[in-house]
């Protein structure tokens, strides 16, 4: 991997000052386990990069989650469009990228179900949007900017909004997603969601799956999921 690509891959770490720390940890790991040297950053072995990625995913990044500031709605739309390309590359979506409208974001916010992850500089890097469907909290959208993915931000956003649903006394949470991409259905499974099919699906999930298929989503890949509180 070239130095330029290495710096792009770990860009958030350069910004946060964790890159050098992780390099040291990875080199110690290598020297202890295989007595091999670490040439950093231009000529790292692929195995060492994988080690660094594990360390990186377990670091607590400097961000906070709070209700979205209205002036950041446009930035949330930009995050959603950028995240769409990650899904496209994974084969989960096709066609033209789309984002939530300002009206939709305003409605999510008005109901207290639009939460954003902010860096220490108050820059939005991810968000989750929900709405109440009957007695269910439905996760309508969750996106993390590609440069900030794999830092636990998505998990923290989900935990926060699920806690909000519990506090409101709702029955549980629902969502629709791609069942093949690891950071979709498999990820939600680690949070307690399960795939729900057929007549067990609440009416809003039946309608949503039909709408998604009409928009061009691949039927064999779309699943509905739920969890009870």
Protein backbone atom coordinates (compact mmCIF):
# COMPACT_ATOMS: atom_id res chain seq x y z
CA UNK A 1 0.00 0.00 0.00
CA UNK A 2 1.38 3.41 -0.93
CA UNK A 3 1.97 6.13 1.64
CA UNK A 4 -0.73 8.28 0.05
CA UNK A 5 -3.30 5.52 0.22
CA UNK A 6 -2.28 4.63 3.77
CA UNK A 7 -2.82 8.21 4.87
CA UNK A 8 -6.23 8.30 3.15
CA UNK A 9 -7.29 5.02 4.79
CA UNK A 10 -6.43 6.27 8.27
CA UNK A 11 -7.21 9.94 7.70
CA UNK A 12 -9.38 10.31 10.83
CA UNK A 13 -6.53 8.84 12.89
CA UNK A 14 -4.05 11.38 11.55
CA UNK A 15 -6.50 14.10 12.55
CA UNK A 16 -7.07 12.69 16.03
CA UNK A 17 -3.42 11.89 16.80
CA UNK A 18 -4.15 8.18 17.25
CA UNK A 19 -2.24 7.09 14.13
CA UNK A 20 1.19 7.13 15.77
CA UNK A 21 -0.17 5.33 18.82
CA UNK A 22 -1.68 2.58 16.68
CA UNK A 23 1.52 2.25 14.67
CA UNK A 24 3.43 1.64 17.89
CA UNK A 25 0.82 -0.88 19.11
CA UNK A 26 0.88 -2.75 15.81
CA UNK A 27 4.68 -2.84 15.72
CA UNK A 28 4.77 -4.17 19.28
CA UNK A 29 2.22 -6.83 18.32
CA UNK A 30 4.29 -7.89 15.33
CA UNK A 31 7.58 -7.95 17.22
CA UNK A 32 6.10 -9.97 20.06
CA UNK A 33 4.26 -12.50 17.88
CA UNK A 34 6.50 -12.93 14.88
CA UNK A 35 9.65 -10.88 15.60
CA UNK A 36 9.02 -9.06 12.32
CA UNK A 37 9.77 -5.42 11.67
CA UNK A 38 7.25 -2.72 10.79
CA UNK A 39 8.15 -0.27 8.03
CA UNK A 40 5.78 2.65 8.49
CA UNK A 41 3.84 3.99 6.64
CA UNK A 42 4.86 3.28 3.04
CA UNK A 43 5.78 -0.42 3.14
CA UNK A 44 3.53 -2.03 5.75
CA UNK A 45 2.62 -5.64 5.26
CA UNK A 46 -1.06 -6.38 4.70
CA UNK A 47 -1.19 -8.35 7.92
CA UNK A 48 0.02 -5.36 9.91
CA UNK A 49 -2.64 -3.19 8.28
CA UNK A 50 -5.27 -5.67 9.44
CA UNK A 51 -3.87 -5.55 12.96
CA UNK A 52 -4.04 -1.77 12.89
CA UNK A 53 -7.62 -1.90 11.68
CA UNK A 54 -8.61 -4.04 14.68
CA UNK A 55 -6.99 -1.55 17.03
CA UNK A 56 -8.61 1.34 15.16
CA UNK A 57 -12.10 -0.13 15.44
CA UNK A 58 -11.72 -0.43 19.20
CA UNK A 59 -10.56 3.13 19.79
CA UNK A 60 -13.04 5.58 21.28
CA UNK A 61 -13.12 8.44 18.80
CA UNK A 62 -13.68 11.98 19.98
CA UNK A 63 -17.29 12.59 19.01
CA UNK A 64 -20.61 13.32 20.68
CA UNK A 65 -24.18 12.45 19.78
CA UNK A 66 -26.89 15.06 20.18
CA UNK A 67 -30.09 16.33 18.56
CA UNK A 68 -29.34 17.72 15.11
CA UNK A 69 -28.89 21.44 14.63
CA UNK A 70 -31.25 22.68 11.93
CA UNK A 71 -28.45 24.49 10.12
CA UNK A 72 -26.77 21.13 9.52
CA UNK A 73 -29.58 19.52 7.52
CA UNK A 74 -27.74 20.10 4.23
CA UNK A 75 -24.64 18.44 5.66
CA UNK A 76 -26.69 15.41 6.67
CA UNK A 77 -27.94 15.12 3.10
CA UNK A 78 -24.32 15.23 1.90
CA UNK A 79 -23.40 12.45 4.35
CA UNK A 80 -26.30 10.34 3.09
CA UNK A 81 -25.21 10.77 -0.53
CA UNK A 82 -21.60 9.88 0.31
CA UNK A 83 -22.69 6.79 2.26
CA UNK A 84 -24.85 5.73 -0.70
CA UNK A 85 -21.68 5.16 -2.70
CA UNK A 86 -20.37 2.79 -0.01
CA UNK A 87 -23.57 0.77 -0.36
CA UNK A 88 -23.35 0.89 -4.15
CA UNK A 89 -19.79 -0.47 -4.04
CA UNK A 90 -21.04 -3.30 -1.82
CA UNK A 91 -23.81 -4.14 -4.30
CA UNK A 92 -26.62 -3.18 -1.93
CA UNK A 93 -28.05 -0.37 -4.06
CA UNK A 94 -28.11 0.69 -7.69
CA UNK A 95 -29.26 3.68 -9.68
CA UNK A 96 -29.06 7.36 -8.86
CA UNK A 97 -28.12 8.36 -5.33
CA UNK A 98 -30.83 10.02 -3.27
CA UNK A 99 -31.07 11.69 0.11
CA UNK A 100 -33.75 12.59 2.64
CA UNK A 101 -35.53 15.84 1.84
CA UNK A 102 -35.24 18.87 4.09
CA UNK A 103 -38.91 18.41 4.95
CA UNK A 104 -38.33 14.79 6.01
CA UNK A 105 -35.35 15.78 8.15
CA UNK A 106 -37.40 18.54 9.71
CA UNK A 107 -40.15 16.06 10.61
CA UNK A 108 -37.66 13.63 12.15
CA UNK A 109 -36.17 16.48 14.15
CA UNK A 110 -39.54 17.83 15.29
CA UNK A 111 -40.34 14.42 16.76
CA UNK A 112 -37.02 14.29 18.59
CA UNK A 113 -35.79 11.39 16.48
CA UNK A 114 -32.97 12.95 14.46
CA UNK A 115 -29.61 12.48 16.16
CA UNK A 116 -26.20 13.44 14.80
CA UNK A 117 -22.65 12.43 15.64
CA UNK A 118 -20.45 15.53 15.89
CA UNK A 119 -16.66 15.74 16.03
CA UNK A 120 -14.98 17.84 18.70
CA UNK A 121 -15.06 20.66 16.13
CA UNK A 122 -18.87 20.33 15.81
CA UNK A 123 -18.65 18.81 12.33
CA UNK A 124 -21.45 16.30 11.54
CA UNK A 125 -20.04 12.89 10.52
CA UNK A 126 -23.09 10.64 10.84
CA UNK A 127 -26.75 10.62 11.77
CA UNK A 128 -29.74 8.43 12.51
CA UNK A 129 -33.37 9.30 11.80
CA UNK A 130 -36.45 7.60 13.15
CA UNK A 131 -40.21 7.88 13.27
CA UNK A 132 -43.01 6.27 15.23
CA UNK A 133 -45.13 3.76 13.32
CA UNK A 134 -48.07 2.65 15.48
CA UNK A 135 -46.27 1.34 18.59
CA UNK A 136 -42.90 0.88 16.88
CA UNK A 137 -39.82 3.03 16.54
CA UNK A 138 -38.89 2.72 12.86
CA UNK A 139 -35.29 3.47 11.88
CA UNK A 140 -35.82 5.38 8.66
CA UNK A 141 -32.19 6.22 7.92
CA UNK A 142 -28.72 5.84 9.39
CA UNK A 143 -25.54 6.97 7.66
CA UNK A 144 -21.94 7.62 8.57
CA UNK A 145 -19.62 9.50 6.25
CA UNK A 146 -17.18 7.06 4.56
CA UNK A 147 -14.16 8.81 6.10
CA UNK A 148 -15.58 8.14 9.58
CA UNK A 149 -16.90 4.61 9.16
CA UNK A 150 -15.53 1.71 11.23
CA UNK A 151 -15.13 3.81 14.37
CA UNK A 152 -18.24 2.62 16.22
CA UNK A 153 -20.23 5.73 15.31
CA UNK A 154 -23.09 3.81 13.70
CA UNK A 155 -23.39 1.55 16.72
CA UNK A 156 -23.45 4.51 19.12
CA UNK A 157 -26.09 6.26 17.03
CA UNK A 158 -28.27 3.15 17.02
CA UNK A 159 -27.88 2.58 20.76
CA UNK A 160 -28.86 6.17 21.47
CA UNK A 161 -32.01 6.16 19.35
CA UNK A 162 -33.04 2.72 20.63
CA UNK A 163 -32.72 4.03 24.17
CA UNK A 164 -34.98 6.92 23.20
CA UNK A 165 -37.59 4.46 21.93
CA UNK A 166 -37.42 2.49 25.16
CA UNK A 167 -37.87 5.63 27.22
CA UNK A 168 -41.00 6.47 25.24
CA UNK A 169 -42.54 3.11 26.08
CA UNK A 170 -42.67 1.83 22.50
CA UNK A 171 -43.02 -1.87 21.76
CA UNK A 172 -39.75 -2.15 19.90
CA UNK A 173 -37.85 -1.03 16.81
CA UNK A 174 -38.02 -1.94 13.13
CA UNK A 175 -36.03 -1.30 9.97
CA UNK A 176 -35.47 -2.55 6.43
CA UNK A 177 -32.03 -3.30 5.07
CA UNK A 178 -29.82 -5.37 2.77
CA UNK A 179 -29.29 -8.90 4.04
CA UNK A 180 -25.97 -9.62 2.31
CA UNK A 181 -23.78 -6.66 3.21
CA UNK A 182 -21.95 -7.28 6.49
CA UNK A 183 -22.52 -3.77 7.81
CA UNK A 184 -26.26 -4.01 7.24
CA UNK A 185 -28.35 -6.99 8.44
CA UNK A 186 -25.44 -8.69 10.21
CA UNK A 187 -24.57 -5.47 12.03
CA UNK A 188 -28.16 -4.91 13.16
CA UNK A 189 -28.24 -8.50 14.38
CA UNK A 190 -25.47 -7.65 16.85
CA UNK A 191 -27.78 -4.98 18.29
CA UNK A 192 -30.60 -7.46 18.89
CA UNK A 193 -32.56 -7.22 15.64
CA UNK A 194 -33.95 -10.32 13.94
CA UNK A 195 -35.33 -10.83 10.44
CA UNK A 196 -39.12 -10.89 10.36
CA UNK A 197 -41.00 -12.38 7.42
CA UNK A 198 -44.48 -13.01 6.08
CA UNK A 199 -47.56 -12.32 8.16
CA UNK A 200 -45.49 -11.52 11.25
CA UNK A 201 -44.38 -8.24 9.74
CA UNK A 202 -46.14 -5.14 11.08
CA UNK A 203 -48.15 -3.36 8.34
CA UNK A 204 -45.64 -0.53 7.93
CA UNK A 205 -42.85 -3.00 7.13
CA UNK A 206 -44.97 -4.70 4.48
CA UNK A 207 -45.59 -1.33 2.83
CA UNK A 208 -41.97 -0.21 3.07
CA UNK A 209 -40.56 -3.36 1.50
CA UNK A 210 -43.04 -3.01 -1.38
CA UNK A 211 -42.06 0.65 -1.87
CA UNK A 212 -38.37 -0.21 -1.91
CA UNK A 213 -38.82 -2.91 -4.51
CA UNK A 214 -40.85 -0.47 -6.64
CA UNK A 215 -37.91 1.96 -6.44
CA UNK A 216 -35.55 -0.66 -7.87
CA UNK A 217 -34.12 -2.42 -4.84
CA UNK A 218 -33.33 -6.10 -5.43
CA UNK A 219 -36.17 -8.12 -3.82
CA UNK A 220 -33.95 -11.08 -2.91
CA UNK A 221 -31.64 -8.80 -0.91
CA UNK A 222 -34.17 -6.72 1.05
CA UNK A 223 -35.24 -7.84 4.50
CA UNK A 224 -37.32 -6.42 7.32
CA UNK A 225 -35.98 -6.64 10.87
CA UNK A 226 -37.36 -5.99 14.31
CA UNK A 227 -36.53 -6.14 17.98
CA UNK A 228 -38.71 -5.79 21.05
CA UNK A 229 -37.85 -3.60 24.02
